[in-house]
Amino acid sequence: MLGKRREAGRSSRLHVLGTASLKAARGHCGELLTLVKRFPNMLEDGRRQAKMLDVIDLTLEFHDHLIPETVVEHLNLHMDEGDIVGLVGESGSGKSMTALAVAGLLRRHDMKKTGQIVFQGKELLSCPRKELRALQGDEIGIVFQEPMTSLNPVYRIGWQVEESLRIHRPAMGKDERRQHAMEMLSAVELADPERIYASYPHQISGGQRQRVMIAAAMICAPKLLIADEPTTALDVTVQLQIVKLLMKLNRERKTAVLFISHDLSLVKRLCTRIVVMKDGRIVEQGSMQDIFYHPQEDYTQKLIAAIPRCVKKPTATNA
């Protein structure tokens, strides 16, 4: 009899505790729903924080002329880790200005910048210059379109490839820096890294100089590589080699690539997502398949129609 009473008392207490827990859970759910209703952007803000790069309503306006000039207007772009995004459009569409803004290389006077550029939770447009410099070359690398003007003609290649290591890895010794540079020159598929390391920029070819620029940008293993028309000054064969190299680095090192170009055939080969720009605005964006095979905007359709195609001429036949 005593055992039955104890069992009944225990069951009663468990019932009371279970009921209390259920009521508490319902109360927490109610509080959560109330918060979502009061702050509808809360979930979206959480998603944005998870993105590697989030450009929100970016507008760039120059004030160095009599009349202000807007070069980028209300641009929204996001990238996750390992993404390869192509930014395409005709000359003057705002592609390079967007890249320079993300890289933090725009001057801070004579121009108005509004919106946000959030990289790994840090807002780049308003952060102190010292914090921005800590990211440049370390977490964000950039490759420009003309390596001959980007490389210093009076310094050897090895010294220039090691520059980011000297800035961001000051504890690294000379021999270790050299080893890292040699490994990176080999990673970008330069056939004779010892010779390249000791050479001056004018002593190597244009394709080799572009590979050196990629090696210098990747030496600190950045999360984001910005390639601003890196194949413009190269012949068609070397262009394809550079695109394949970027794909390899993305696959092996999980580096996200923002590839800026007006060559749609290269963008189609490299990128998984494409953003089309015109007059500083985004006209259309989507997956590579959607943009190339199901373009929605007239401007995108005209860009794709302008891609050169090889057409065989019919051969004359004897009657």
C-alpha atoms as a PDB file:
ATOM      1  CA  MET A   1       0.000   0.000   0.000  1.00  0.00           C
ATOM      2  CA  LEU A   2       2.797   2.405   0.933  1.00  0.00           C
ATOM      3  CA  GLY A   3       4.609   1.584  -2.335  1.00  0.00           C
ATOM      4  CA  LYS A   4       1.487   2.364  -4.393  1.00  0.00           C
ATOM      5  CA  ARG A   5       1.071   5.735  -2.644  1.00  0.00           C
ATOM      6  CA  ARG A   6       4.720   6.627  -3.341  1.00  0.00           C
ATOM      7  CA  GLU A   7       4.319   5.634  -6.992  1.00  0.00           C
ATOM      8  CA  ALA A   8       1.132   7.696  -7.284  1.00  0.00           C
ATOM      9  CA  GLY A   9       2.863  10.694  -5.671  1.00  0.00           C
ATOM     10  CA  ARG A  10       5.809  10.368  -8.034  1.00  0.00           C
ATOM     11  CA  SER A  11       3.512  10.188 -11.073  1.00  0.00           C
ATOM     12  CA  SER A  12       1.621  13.240  -9.853  1.00  0.00           C
ATOM     13  CA  ARG A  13       4.833  15.230  -9.451  1.00  0.00           C
ATOM     14  CA  LEU A  14       6.035  14.179 -12.902  1.00  0.00           C
ATOM     15  CA  HIS A  15       2.695  15.231 -14.373  1.00  0.00           C
ATOM     16  CA  VAL A  16       2.959  18.630 -12.705  1.00  0.00           C
ATOM     17  CA  LEU A  17       6.566  19.065 -13.903  1.00  0.00           C
ATOM     18  CA  GLY A  18       5.638  17.987 -17.446  1.00  0.00           C
ATOM     19  CA  THR A  19       2.733  20.419 -17.513  1.00  0.00           C
ATOM     20  CA  ALA A  20       4.971  23.235 -16.228  1.00  0.00           C
ATOM     21  CA  SER A  21       7.638  22.446 -18.853  1.00  0.00           C
ATOM     22  CA  LEU A  22       5.019  22.442 -21.611  1.00  0.00           C
ATOM     23  CA  LYS A  23       3.636  25.782 -20.440  1.00  0.00           C
ATOM     24  CA  ALA A  24       7.176  27.216 -20.295  1.00  0.00           C
ATOM     25  CA  ALA A  25       7.939  25.993 -23.830  1.00  0.00           C
ATOM     26  CA  ARG A  26       4.698  27.513 -25.098  1.00  0.00           C
ATOM     27  CA  GLY A  27       5.635  30.743 -23.371  1.00  0.00           C
ATOM     28  CA  HIS A  28       9.085  30.810 -25.056  1.00  0.00           C
ATOM     29  CA  CYS A  29       7.508  30.127 -28.454  1.00  0.00           C
ATOM     30  CA  GLY A  30       5.075  32.949 -27.875  1.00  0.00           C
ATOM     31  CA  GLU A  31       7.921  35.301 -26.951  1.00  0.00           C
ATOM     32  CA  LEU A  32       9.845  34.296 -30.076  1.00  0.00           C
ATOM     33  CA  LEU A  33       6.822  34.919 -32.318  1.00  0.00           C
ATOM     34  CA  THR A  34       6.349  38.308 -30.674  1.00  0.00           C
ATOM     35  CA  LEU A  35       9.993  39.225 -31.360  1.00  0.00           C
ATOM     36  CA  VAL A  36       9.710  38.146 -35.009  1.00  0.00           C
ATOM     37  CA  LYS A  37       6.570  40.251 -35.427  1.00  0.00           C
ATOM     38  CA  ARG A  38       8.194  43.280 -33.771  1.00  0.00           C
ATOM     39  CA  PHE A  39      11.499  42.873 -35.640  1.00  0.00           C
ATOM     40  CA  PRO A  40      10.725  41.278 -39.044  1.00  0.00           C
ATOM     41  CA  ASN A  41      14.313  41.761 -40.281  1.00  0.00           C
ATOM     42  CA  MET A  42      15.813  39.787 -37.378  1.00  0.00           C
ATOM     43  CA  LEU A  43      16.002  36.483 -39.269  1.00  0.00           C
ATOM     44  CA  GLU A  44      17.347  38.159 -42.394  1.00  0.00           C
ATOM     45  CA  ASP A  45      20.022  39.916 -40.323  1.00  0.00           C
ATOM     46  CA  GLY A  46      21.044  36.520 -38.942  1.00  0.00           C
ATOM     47  CA  ARG A  47      21.426  35.159 -42.457  1.00  0.00           C
ATOM     48  CA  ARG A  48      23.514  38.177 -43.471  1.00  0.00           C
ATOM     49  CA  GLN A  49      25.885  37.630 -40.581  1.00  0.00           C
ATOM     50  CA  ALA A  50      26.503  34.093 -41.857  1.00  0.00           C
ATOM     51  CA  LYS A  51      27.655  35.353 -45.286  1.00  0.00           C
ATOM     52  CA  MET A  52      31.325  35.941 -45.987  1.00  0.00           C
ATOM     53  CA  LEU A  53      30.658  39.097 -48.017  1.00  0.00           C
ATOM     54  CA  ASP A  54      27.465  41.131 -48.077  1.00  0.00           C
ATOM     55  CA  VAL A  55      27.227  44.348 -50.099  1.00  0.00           C
ATOM     56  CA  ILE A  56      24.058  46.151 -49.070  1.00  0.00           C
ATOM     57  CA  ASP A  57      22.569  49.069 -51.033  1.00  0.00           C
ATOM     58  CA  LEU A  58      26.004  50.373 -52.080  1.00  0.00           C
ATOM     59  CA  THR A  59      26.068  53.752 -53.826  1.00  0.00           C
ATOM     60  CA  LEU A  60      29.272  55.516 -54.932  1.00  0.00           C
ATOM     61  CA  GLU A  61      29.169  59.142 -56.001  1.00  0.00           C
ATOM     62  CA  PHE A  62      32.155  61.249 -57.097  1.00  0.00           C
ATOM     63  CA  HIS A  63      32.333  64.914 -56.202  1.00  0.00           C
ATOM     64  CA  ASP A  64      35.609  65.807 -57.945  1.00  0.00           C
ATOM     65  CA  HIS A  65      33.787  67.483 -60.865  1.00  0.00           C
ATOM     66  CA  LEU A  66      31.383  70.388 -61.085  1.00  0.00           C
ATOM     67  CA  ILE A  67      28.457  67.971 -61.327  1.00  0.00           C
ATOM     68  CA  PRO A  68      28.386  64.907 -59.009  1.00  0.00           C
ATOM     69  CA  GLU A  69      28.663  61.600 -60.863  1.00  0.00           C
ATOM     70  CA  THR A  70      27.086  58.369 -59.587  1.00  0.00           C
ATOM     71  CA  VAL A  71      29.123  55.337 -60.704  1.00  0.00           C
ATOM     72  CA  VAL A  72      27.453  52.618 -58.588  1.00  0.00           C
ATOM     73  CA  GLU A  73      23.843  52.869 -57.481  1.00  0.00           C
ATOM     74  CA  HIS A  74      21.959  50.742 -54.913  1.00  0.00           C
ATOM     75  CA  LEU A  75      24.029  47.623 -55.524  1.00  0.00           C
ATOM     76  CA  ASN A  76      23.313  44.458 -53.520  1.00  0.00           C
ATOM     77  CA  LEU A  77      25.627  41.457 -53.705  1.00  0.00           C
ATOM     78  CA  HIS A  78      26.488  38.537 -51.444  1.00  0.00           C
ATOM     79  CA  MET A  79      29.118  35.811 -51.497  1.00  0.00           C
ATOM     80  CA  ASP A  80      29.597  32.741 -49.339  1.00  0.00           C
ATOM     81  CA  GLU A  81      32.839  30.909 -48.683  1.00  0.00           C
ATOM     82  CA  GLY A  82      34.099  29.177 -51.837  1.00  0.00           C
ATOM     83  CA  ASP A  83      31.748  31.016 -54.228  1.00  0.00           C
ATOM     84  CA  ILE A  84      32.875  32.034 -57.721  1.00  0.00           C
ATOM     85  CA  VAL A  85      30.834  35.053 -58.792  1.00  0.00           C
ATOM     86  CA  GLY A  86      31.218  36.806 -62.137  1.00  0.00           C
ATOM     87  CA  LEU A  87      30.627  40.557 -62.411  1.00  0.00           C
ATOM     88  CA  VAL A  88      30.025  41.405 -66.069  1.00  0.00           C
ATOM     89  CA  GLY A  89      29.010  44.389 -68.161  1.00  0.00           C
ATOM     90  CA  GLU A  90      30.342  46.802 -70.739  1.00  0.00           C
ATOM     91  CA  SER A  91      33.076  49.348 -69.988  1.00  0.00           C
ATOM     92  CA  GLY A  92      31.862  52.020 -67.559  1.00  0.00           C
ATOM     93  CA  SER A  93      29.184  49.821 -65.993  1.00  0.00           C
ATOM     94  CA  GLY A  94      30.716  50.091 -62.496  1.00  0.00           C
ATOM     95  CA  LYS A  95      32.371  46.663 -62.244  1.00  0.00           C
ATOM     96  CA  SER A  96      35.844  47.841 -61.274  1.00  0.00           C
ATOM     97  CA  MET A  97      34.530  50.546 -58.931  1.00  0.00           C
ATOM     98  CA  THR A  98      32.569  47.857 -57.082  1.00  0.00           C
ATOM     99  CA  ALA A  99      35.710  45.724 -56.818  1.00  0.00           C
ATOM    100  CA  LEU A 100      37.802  48.642 -55.530  1.00  0.00           C
ATOM    101  CA  ALA A 101      35.130  49.441 -52.940  1.00  0.00           C
ATOM    102  CA  VAL A 102      35.105  45.841 -51.673  1.00  0.00           C
ATOM    103  CA  ALA A 103      38.914  45.822 -51.548  1.00  0.00           C
ATOM    104  CA  GLY A 104      38.933  49.122 -49.627  1.00  0.00           C
ATOM    105  CA  LEU A 105      41.014  50.874 -52.283  1.00  0.00           C
ATOM    106  CA  LEU A 106      38.746  53.848 -52.980  1.00  0.00           C
ATOM    107  CA  ARG A 107      39.946  57.226 -51.793  1.00  0.00           C
ATOM    108  CA  ARG A 108      38.055  58.670 -48.860  1.00  0.00           C
ATOM    109  CA  HIS A 109      37.833  62.263 -50.063  1.00  0.00           C
ATOM    110  CA  ASP A 110      35.972  63.852 -52.979  1.00  0.00           C
ATOM    111  CA  MET A 111      33.414  61.052 -52.996  1.00  0.00           C
ATOM    112  CA  LYS A 112      30.285  59.981 -51.166  1.00  0.00           C
ATOM    113  CA  LYS A 113      29.806  56.333 -50.195  1.00  0.00           C
ATOM    114  CA  THR A 114      26.538  55.046 -48.763  1.00  0.00           C
ATOM    115  CA  GLY A 115      25.322  51.561 -47.912  1.00  0.00           C
ATOM    116  CA  GLN A 116      27.353  48.773 -46.331  1.00  0.00           C
ATOM    117  CA  ILE A 117      30.109  46.350 -47.285  1.00  0.00           C
ATOM    118  CA  VAL A 118      30.177  43.667 -44.588  1.00  0.00           C
ATOM    119  CA  PHE A 119      33.097  41.221 -44.781  1.00  0.00           C
ATOM    120  CA  GLN A 120      33.104  38.454 -42.168  1.00  0.00           C
ATOM    121  CA  GLY A 121      31.022  40.631 -39.843  1.00  0.00           C
ATOM    122  CA  LYS A 122      33.158  43.777 -40.254  1.00  0.00           C
ATOM    123  CA  GLU A 123      31.753  46.856 -41.991  1.00  0.00           C
ATOM    124  CA  LEU A 124      34.465  48.060 -44.405  1.00  0.00           C
ATOM    125  CA  LEU A 125      33.152  51.448 -45.554  1.00  0.00           C
ATOM    126  CA  SER A 126      33.303  52.980 -42.086  1.00  0.00           C
ATOM    127  CA  CYS A 127      35.998  50.931 -40.319  1.00  0.00           C
ATOM    128  CA  PRO A 128      39.269  52.663 -39.324  1.00  0.00           C
ATOM    129  CA  ARG A 129      42.041  52.664 -41.927  1.00  0.00           C
ATOM    130  CA  LYS A 130      44.293  50.552 -39.667  1.00  0.00           C
ATOM    131  CA  GLU A 131      41.695  47.750 -39.459  1.00  0.00           C
ATOM    132  CA  LEU A 132      41.142  47.905 -43.215  1.00  0.00           C
ATOM    133  CA  ARG A 133      44.855  47.576 -43.926  1.00  0.00           C
ATOM    134  CA  ALA A 134      44.985  44.515 -41.675  1.00  0.00           C
ATOM    135  CA  LEU A 135      42.528  42.816 -44.073  1.00  0.00           C
ATOM    136  CA  GLN A 136      44.086  43.949 -47.355  1.00  0.00           C
ATOM    137  CA  GLY A 137      46.512  41.352 -48.644  1.00  0.00           C
ATOM    138  CA  ASP A 138      45.679  38.995 -45.775  1.00  0.00           C
ATOM    139  CA  GLU A 139      41.949  38.187 -45.871  1.00  0.00           C
ATOM    140  CA  ILE A 140      41.257  39.986 -49.179  1.00  0.00           C
ATOM    141  CA  GLY A 141      43.569  39.617 -52.178  1.00  0.00           C
ATOM    142  CA  ILE A 142      43.280  41.421 -55.507  1.00  0.00           C
ATOM    143  CA  VAL A 143      44.686  40.840 -58.990  1.00  0.00           C
ATOM    144  CA  PHE A 144      44.615  43.730 -61.470  1.00  0.00           C
ATOM    145  CA  GLN A 145      44.305  43.485 -65.228  1.00  0.00           C
ATOM    146  CA  GLU A 146      47.781  44.744 -66.189  1.00  0.00           C
ATOM    147  CA  PRO A 147      50.552  43.031 -64.191  1.00  0.00           C
ATOM    148  CA  MET A 148      53.357  45.083 -65.738  1.00  0.00           C
ATOM    149  CA  THR A 149      52.003  48.258 -64.154  1.00  0.00           C
ATOM    150  CA  SER A 150      51.136  46.480 -60.887  1.00  0.00           C
ATOM    151  CA  LEU A 151      54.605  45.008 -60.355  1.00  0.00           C
ATOM    152  CA  ASN A 152      57.484  47.268 -59.328  1.00  0.00           C
ATOM    153  CA  PRO A 153      60.116  47.152 -62.122  1.00  0.00           C
ATOM    154  CA  VAL A 154      63.095  47.730 -59.783  1.00  0.00           C
ATOM    155  CA  TYR A 155      62.397  44.830 -57.374  1.00  0.00           C
ATOM    156  CA  ARG A 156      62.824  41.136 -58.038  1.00  0.00           C
ATOM    157  CA  ILE A 157      59.751  38.910 -58.219  1.00  0.00           C
ATOM    158  CA  GLY A 158      60.533  37.047 -55.005  1.00  0.00           C
ATOM    159  CA  TRP A 159      60.688  40.227 -52.935  1.00  0.00           C
ATOM    160  CA  GLN A 160      57.313  41.359 -54.281  1.00  0.00           C
ATOM    161  CA  VAL A 161      55.599  38.004 -53.733  1.00  0.00           C
ATOM    162  CA  GLU A 162      56.811  38.040 -50.111  1.00  0.00           C
ATOM    163  CA  GLU A 163      55.563  41.582 -49.409  1.00  0.00           C
ATOM    164  CA  SER A 164      52.262  40.534 -47.789  1.00  0.00           C
ATOM    165  CA  LEU A 165      54.139  38.090 -45.562  1.00  0.00           C
ATOM    166  CA  ARG A 166      56.426  40.871 -44.325  1.00  0.00           C
ATOM    167  CA  ILE A 167      53.384  43.005 -43.473  1.00  0.00           C
ATOM    168  CA  HIS A 168      50.975  40.421 -42.056  1.00  0.00           C
ATOM    169  CA  ARG A 169      53.409  37.760 -40.778  1.00  0.00           C
ATOM    170  CA  PRO A 170      56.191  39.861 -39.180  1.00  0.00           C
ATOM    171  CA  ALA A 171      57.363  36.962 -37.008  1.00  0.00           C
ATOM    172  CA  MET A 172      58.177  34.859 -40.076  1.00  0.00           C
ATOM    173  CA  GLY A 173      61.887  34.599 -40.843  1.00  0.00           C
ATOM    174  CA  LYS A 174      63.589  35.279 -44.183  1.00  0.00           C
ATOM    175  CA  ASP A 175      64.104  31.603 -45.041  1.00  0.00           C
ATOM    176  CA  GLU A 176      60.507  30.720 -44.181  1.00  0.00           C
ATOM    177  CA  ARG A 177      59.196  33.602 -46.315  1.00  0.00           C
ATOM    178  CA  ARG A 178      61.302  32.382 -49.226  1.00  0.00           C
ATOM    179  CA  GLN A 179      59.993  28.853 -48.807  1.00  0.00           C
ATOM    180  CA  HIS A 180      56.386  30.086 -48.776  1.00  0.00           C
ATOM    181  CA  ALA A 181      57.011  32.194 -51.889  1.00  0.00           C
ATOM    182  CA  MET A 182      58.583  29.265 -53.747  1.00  0.00           C
ATOM    183  CA  GLU A 183      55.651  27.021 -52.823  1.00  0.00           C
ATOM    184  CA  MET A 184      53.169  29.624 -54.049  1.00  0.00           C
ATOM    185  CA  LEU A 185      55.041  30.147 -57.338  1.00  0.00           C
ATOM    186  CA  SER A 186      54.871  26.393 -57.854  1.00  0.00           C
ATOM    187  CA  ALA A 187      51.158  26.367 -56.902  1.00  0.00           C
ATOM    188  CA  VAL A 188      50.375  28.823 -59.714  1.00  0.00           C
ATOM    189  CA  GLU A 189      52.080  26.399 -62.122  1.00  0.00           C
ATOM    190  CA  LEU A 190      55.212  28.385 -62.970  1.00  0.00           C
ATOM    191  CA  ALA A 191      57.600  25.874 -64.507  1.00  0.00           C
ATOM    192  CA  ASP A 192      60.865  27.284 -63.086  1.00  0.00           C
ATOM    193  CA  PRO A 193      60.061  28.958 -59.727  1.00  0.00           C
ATOM    194  CA  GLU A 194      63.754  29.403 -58.810  1.00  0.00           C
ATOM    195  CA  ARG A 195      64.400  31.474 -61.924  1.00  0.00           C
ATOM    196  CA  ILE A 196      61.138  33.404 -61.606  1.00  0.00           C
ATOM    197  CA  TYR A 197      61.893  34.201 -57.953  1.00  0.00           C
ATOM    198  CA  ALA A 198      65.216  35.810 -58.901  1.00  0.00           C
ATOM    199  CA  SER A 199      63.921  37.609 -62.015  1.00  0.00           C
ATOM    200  CA  TYR A 200      62.736  41.177 -62.580  1.00  0.00           C
ATOM    201  CA  PRO A 201      59.250  41.747 -64.062  1.00  0.00           C
ATOM    202  CA  HIS A 202      60.585  42.673 -67.538  1.00  0.00           C
ATOM    203  CA  GLN A 203      62.479  39.367 -67.732  1.00  0.00           C
ATOM    204  CA  ILE A 204      59.368  37.163 -67.766  1.00  0.00           C
ATOM    205  CA  SER A 205      56.373  36.896 -70.094  1.00  0.00           C
ATOM    206  CA  GLY A 206      52.951  38.499 -69.648  1.00  0.00           C
ATOM    207  CA  GLY A 207      51.320  35.210 -68.692  1.00  0.00           C
ATOM    208  CA  GLN A 208      54.065  34.529 -66.144  1.00  0.00           C
ATOM    209  CA  ARG A 209      53.641  38.032 -64.680  1.00  0.00           C
ATOM    210  CA  GLN A 210      49.919  37.429 -64.212  1.00  0.00           C
ATOM    211  CA  ARG A 211      50.643  34.149 -62.442  1.00  0.00           C
ATOM    212  CA  VAL A 212      53.098  36.023 -60.209  1.00  0.00           C
ATOM    213  CA  MET A 213      50.335  38.519 -59.349  1.00  0.00           C
ATOM    214  CA  ILE A 214      48.015  35.651 -58.417  1.00  0.00           C
ATOM    215  CA  ALA A 215      50.767  34.105 -56.283  1.00  0.00           C
ATOM    216  CA  ALA A 216      51.337  37.429 -54.491  1.00  0.00           C
ATOM    217  CA  ALA A 217      47.586  37.812 -53.879  1.00  0.00           C
ATOM    218  CA  MET A 218      47.264  34.232 -52.552  1.00  0.00           C
ATOM    219  CA  ILE A 219      50.425  34.083 -50.407  1.00  0.00           C
ATOM    220  CA  CYS A 220      48.506  34.742 -47.151  1.00  0.00           C
ATOM    221  CA  ALA A 221      45.646  32.371 -48.079  1.00  0.00           C
ATOM    222  CA  PRO A 222      42.882  35.023 -48.283  1.00  0.00           C
ATOM    223  CA  LYS A 223      39.199  34.178 -47.940  1.00  0.00           C
ATOM    224  CA  LEU A 224      38.342  36.361 -50.955  1.00  0.00           C
ATOM    225  CA  LEU A 225      40.275  36.881 -54.199  1.00  0.00           C
ATOM    226  CA  ILE A 226      39.148  39.771 -56.411  1.00  0.00           C
ATOM    227  CA  ALA A 227      40.266  39.297 -60.021  1.00  0.00           C
ATOM    228  CA  ASP A 228      39.678  42.572 -61.909  1.00  0.00           C
ATOM    229  CA  GLU A 229      39.855  41.601 -65.592  1.00  0.00           C
ATOM    230  CA  PRO A 230      43.018  39.535 -65.066  1.00  0.00           C
ATOM    231  CA  THR A 231      43.051  38.142 -68.619  1.00  0.00           C
ATOM    232  CA  THR A 232      42.558  41.326 -70.672  1.00  0.00           C
ATOM    233  CA  ALA A 233      46.191  41.756 -71.765  1.00  0.00           C
ATOM    234  CA  LEU A 234      46.763  38.047 -72.478  1.00  0.00           C
ATOM    235  CA  ASP A 235      46.315  35.930 -75.595  1.00  0.00           C
ATOM    236  CA  VAL A 236      43.463  33.434 -75.808  1.00  0.00           C
ATOM    237  CA  THR A 237      45.530  30.372 -74.860  1.00  0.00           C
ATOM    238  CA  VAL A 238      46.985  32.027 -71.758  1.00  0.00           C
ATOM    239  CA  GLN A 239      43.535  33.381 -70.806  1.00  0.00           C
ATOM    240  CA  LEU A 240      42.206  29.831 -70.618  1.00  0.00           C
ATOM    241  CA  GLN A 241      45.196  28.754 -68.518  1.00  0.00           C
ATOM    242  CA  ILE A 242      44.583  31.582 -66.018  1.00  0.00           C
ATOM    243  CA  VAL A 243      40.889  30.662 -65.735  1.00  0.00           C
ATOM    244  CA  LYS A 244      41.787  27.014 -65.089  1.00  0.00           C
ATOM    245  CA  LEU A 245      44.314  28.156 -62.464  1.00  0.00           C
ATOM    246  CA  LEU A 246      41.652  30.200 -60.636  1.00  0.00           C
ATOM    247  CA  MET A 247      39.331  27.193 -60.688  1.00  0.00           C
ATOM    248  CA  LYS A 248      42.093  25.017 -59.229  1.00  0.00           C
ATOM    249  CA  LEU A 249      42.872  27.492 -56.417  1.00  0.00           C
ATOM    250  CA  ASN A 250      39.176  27.770 -55.607  1.00  0.00           C
ATOM    251  CA  ARG A 251      38.773  23.995 -55.497  1.00  0.00           C
ATOM    252  CA  GLU A 252      41.917  23.254 -53.468  1.00  0.00           C
ATOM    253  CA  ARG A 253      42.014  26.258 -51.121  1.00  0.00           C
ATOM    254  CA  LYS A 254      38.273  27.083 -50.871  1.00  0.00           C
ATOM    255  CA  THR A 255      39.039  30.692 -51.786  1.00  0.00           C
ATOM    256  CA  ALA A 256      36.015  32.685 -52.969  1.00  0.00           C
ATOM    257  CA  VAL A 257      36.611  34.479 -56.287  1.00  0.00           C
ATOM    258  CA  LEU A 258      34.967  37.686 -57.494  1.00  0.00           C
ATOM    259  CA  PHE A 259      35.802  37.580 -61.217  1.00  0.00           C
ATOM    260  CA  ILE A 260      35.292  40.841 -63.110  1.00  0.00           C
ATOM    261  CA  SER A 261      35.287  40.692 -66.885  1.00  0.00           C
ATOM    262  CA  HIS A 262      33.554  41.740 -70.069  1.00  0.00           C
ATOM    263  CA  ASP A 263      34.497  38.433 -71.694  1.00  0.00           C
ATOM    264  CA  LEU A 264      31.361  36.347 -71.221  1.00  0.00           C
ATOM    265  CA  SER A 265      32.909  33.184 -72.641  1.00  0.00           C
ATOM    266  CA  LEU A 266      35.474  33.131 -69.808  1.00  0.00           C
ATOM    267  CA  VAL A 267      32.820  33.982 -67.211  1.00  0.00           C
ATOM    268  CA  LYS A 268      30.676  31.101 -68.442  1.00  0.00           C
ATOM    269  CA  ARG A 269      33.581  28.680 -68.055  1.00  0.00           C
ATOM    270  CA  LEU A 270      34.618  29.845 -64.566  1.00  0.00           C
ATOM    271  CA  CYS A 271      31.675  31.212 -62.577  1.00  0.00           C
ATOM    272  CA  THR A 272      28.737  29.497 -60.917  1.00  0.00           C
ATOM    273  CA  ARG A 273      26.796  32.733 -60.355  1.00  0.00           C
ATOM    274  CA  ILE A 274      26.736  35.861 -62.532  1.00  0.00           C
ATOM    275  CA  VAL A 275      25.809  39.490 -61.851  1.00  0.00           C
ATOM    276  CA  VAL A 276      25.132  41.700 -64.893  1.00  0.00           C
ATOM    277  CA  MET A 277      25.731  45.457 -64.484  1.00  0.00           C
ATOM    278  CA  LYS A 278      24.817  48.469 -66.623  1.00  0.00           C
ATOM    279  CA  ASP A 279      25.293  52.162 -65.786  1.00  0.00           C
ATOM    280  CA  GLY A 280      26.186  51.378 -62.176  1.00  0.00           C
ATOM    281  CA  ARG A 281      23.120  49.237 -61.497  1.00  0.00           C
ATOM    282  CA  ILE A 282      22.527  45.488 -61.385  1.00  0.00           C
ATOM    283  CA  VAL A 283      20.365  44.545 -64.351  1.00  0.00           C
ATOM    284  CA  GLU A 284      20.098  40.827 -63.667  1.00  0.00           C
ATOM    285  CA  GLN A 285      21.747  38.137 -61.546  1.00  0.00           C
ATOM    286  CA  GLY A 286      21.414  34.394 -61.216  1.00  0.00           C
ATOM    287  CA  SER A 287      23.127  31.081 -61.796  1.00  0.00           C
ATOM    288  CA  MET A 288      25.309  30.589 -64.859  1.00  0.00           C
ATOM    289  CA  GLN A 289      22.660  28.377 -66.462  1.00  0.00           C
ATOM    290  CA  ASP A 290      19.874  30.924 -65.871  1.00  0.00           C
ATOM    291  CA  ILE A 291      21.860  33.871 -67.220  1.00  0.00           C
ATOM    292  CA  PHE A 292      23.203  32.156 -70.339  1.00  0.00           C
ATOM    293  CA  TYR A 293      20.295  29.913 -71.271  1.00  0.00           C
ATOM    294  CA  HIS A 294      17.288  31.752 -69.829  1.00  0.00           C
ATOM    295  CA  PRO A 295      18.171  35.497 -69.691  1.00  0.00           C
ATOM    296  CA  GLN A 296      15.222  37.651 -68.643  1.00  0.00           C
ATOM    297  CA  GLU A 297      16.442  41.181 -69.395  1.00  0.00           C
ATOM    298  CA  ASP A 298      16.890  42.627 -72.877  1.00  0.00           C
ATOM    299  CA  TYR A 299      20.359  43.970 -72.009  1.00  0.00           C
ATOM    300  CA  THR A 300      21.549  40.519 -70.886  1.00  0.00           C
ATOM    301  CA  GLN A 301      20.198  38.958 -74.081  1.00  0.00           C
ATOM    302  CA  LYS A 302      22.110  41.509 -76.177  1.00  0.00           C
ATOM    303  CA  LEU A 303      25.351  40.848 -74.268  1.00  0.00           C
ATOM    304  CA  ILE A 304      25.047  37.112 -74.843  1.00  0.00           C
ATOM    305  CA  ALA A 305      24.157  37.623 -78.516  1.00  0.00           C
ATOM    306  CA  ALA A 306      27.366  39.663 -78.921  1.00  0.00           C
ATOM    307  CA  ILE A 307      29.610  36.699 -77.994  1.00  0.00           C
ATOM    308  CA  PRO A 308      31.667  35.804 -81.110  1.00  0.00           C
ATOM    309  CA  ARG A 309      30.789  32.424 -82.536  1.00  0.00           C
ATOM    310  CA  CYS A 310      32.574  30.253 -85.082  1.00  0.00           C
ATOM    311  CA  VAL A 311      30.306  29.412 -87.981  1.00  0.00           C
ATOM    312  CA  LYS A 312      31.390  27.090 -90.734  1.00  0.00           C
ATOM    313  CA  LYS A 313      30.790  28.402 -94.229  1.00  0.00           C
ATOM    314  CA  PRO A 314      29.093  25.960 -96.550  1.00  0.00           C
ATOM    315  CA  THR A 315      31.527  24.505 -99.071  1.00  0.00           C
ATOM    316  CA  ALA A 316      30.748  24.775-102.722  1.00  0.00           C
ATOM    317  CA  THR A 317      29.726  21.474-104.300  1.00  0.00           C
ATOM    318  CA  ASN A 318      30.060  20.508-107.891  1.00  0.00           C
ATOM    319  CA  ALA A 319      26.789  20.483-109.784  1.00  0.00           C
END
